[in-house]
């Protein structure tokens, strides 16, 4: 009869002090987050009335969107 349980390994979990604190993002996820960030910034700046920054962030979003659609054009 066991009086104790086997210790649970926390290696690689968020509770482990020795494992990485963050996961590395793939290129696709990083590009999508940047694209959505540019879209959000463009919308916020548009409502705030900063026309120059709104146009600039809108152009960045459009360029990222065009790249995204071009890379995945066969799926459309």
Protein backbone atom coordinates (compact mmCIF):
# COMPACT_ATOMS: atom_id res chain seq x y z
CA UNK A 1 0.00 0.00 0.00
CA UNK A 2 1.37 3.39 -1.06
CA UNK A 3 1.25 6.20 1.44
CA UNK A 4 2.08 8.90 -1.13
CA UNK A 5 1.47 9.56 -4.78
CA UNK A 6 4.13 9.86 -7.43
CA UNK A 7 5.22 13.48 -7.93
CA UNK A 8 3.60 15.21 -10.89
CA UNK A 9 6.00 16.72 -13.38
CA UNK A 10 5.26 20.35 -14.19
CA UNK A 11 8.03 20.59 -16.80
CA UNK A 12 6.80 22.47 -19.84
CA UNK A 13 3.65 23.84 -18.22
CA UNK A 14 2.93 27.39 -17.15
CA UNK A 15 3.50 26.34 -13.53
CA UNK A 16 7.08 25.29 -14.21
CA UNK A 17 9.76 27.83 -13.36
CA UNK A 18 12.16 26.07 -15.75
CA UNK A 19 10.00 25.96 -18.89
CA UNK A 20 9.47 28.77 -21.36
CA UNK A 21 6.96 31.40 -20.27
CA UNK A 22 5.61 32.00 -23.78
CA UNK A 23 5.13 29.93 -26.87
CA UNK A 24 6.68 30.99 -30.15
CA UNK A 25 4.12 32.17 -32.69
CA UNK A 26 4.13 30.74 -36.18
CA UNK A 27 4.66 33.14 -39.06
CA UNK A 28 1.04 32.90 -40.14
CA UNK A 29 -0.35 33.68 -36.68
CA UNK A 30 2.07 36.56 -36.24
CA UNK A 31 1.07 38.03 -39.63
CA UNK A 32 -2.63 37.69 -38.78
CA UNK A 33 -2.16 39.43 -35.42
CA UNK A 34 -0.21 42.27 -37.02
CA UNK A 35 -2.89 42.59 -39.70
CA UNK A 36 -5.71 42.69 -37.15
CA UNK A 37 -3.73 45.17 -35.04
CA UNK A 38 -3.34 47.46 -38.05
CA UNK A 39 -7.07 47.17 -38.76
CA UNK A 40 -7.95 47.99 -35.16
CA UNK A 41 -5.56 50.93 -35.07
CA UNK A 42 -6.99 52.24 -38.34
CA UNK A 43 -10.56 52.06 -37.02
CA UNK A 44 -9.65 53.74 -33.73
CA UNK A 45 -7.69 56.49 -35.45
CA UNK A 46 -10.54 57.00 -37.91
CA UNK A 47 -13.02 57.56 -35.08
CA UNK A 48 -10.50 59.76 -33.26
CA UNK A 49 -10.28 62.05 -36.27
CA UNK A 50 -6.57 61.63 -37.02
CA UNK A 51 -6.91 61.40 -40.80
CA UNK A 52 -3.21 61.04 -41.71
CA UNK A 53 -2.57 58.21 -39.25
CA UNK A 54 -5.86 56.57 -40.25
CA UNK A 55 -4.87 56.56 -43.92
CA UNK A 56 -1.37 55.28 -43.09
CA UNK A 57 -2.58 52.38 -40.93
CA UNK A 58 -5.28 51.62 -43.51
CA UNK A 59 -2.58 51.37 -46.19
CA UNK A 60 -0.52 49.03 -43.99
CA UNK A 61 -3.60 46.86 -43.40
CA UNK A 62 -4.39 46.83 -47.13
CA UNK A 63 -0.84 45.76 -48.00
CA UNK A 64 -0.91 42.95 -45.42
CA UNK A 65 -4.36 41.85 -46.62
CA UNK A 66 -3.21 41.80 -50.26
CA UNK A 67 -0.21 39.66 -49.28
CA UNK A 68 -2.48 37.31 -47.29
CA UNK A 69 -4.93 36.90 -50.18
CA UNK A 70 -2.12 36.42 -52.71
CA UNK A 71 -0.51 33.64 -50.68
CA UNK A 72 -3.84 31.85 -50.21
CA UNK A 73 -5.39 32.55 -53.62
CA UNK A 74 -5.81 28.85 -54.48
CA UNK A 75 -8.06 28.40 -51.45
CA UNK A 76 -10.48 31.05 -52.69
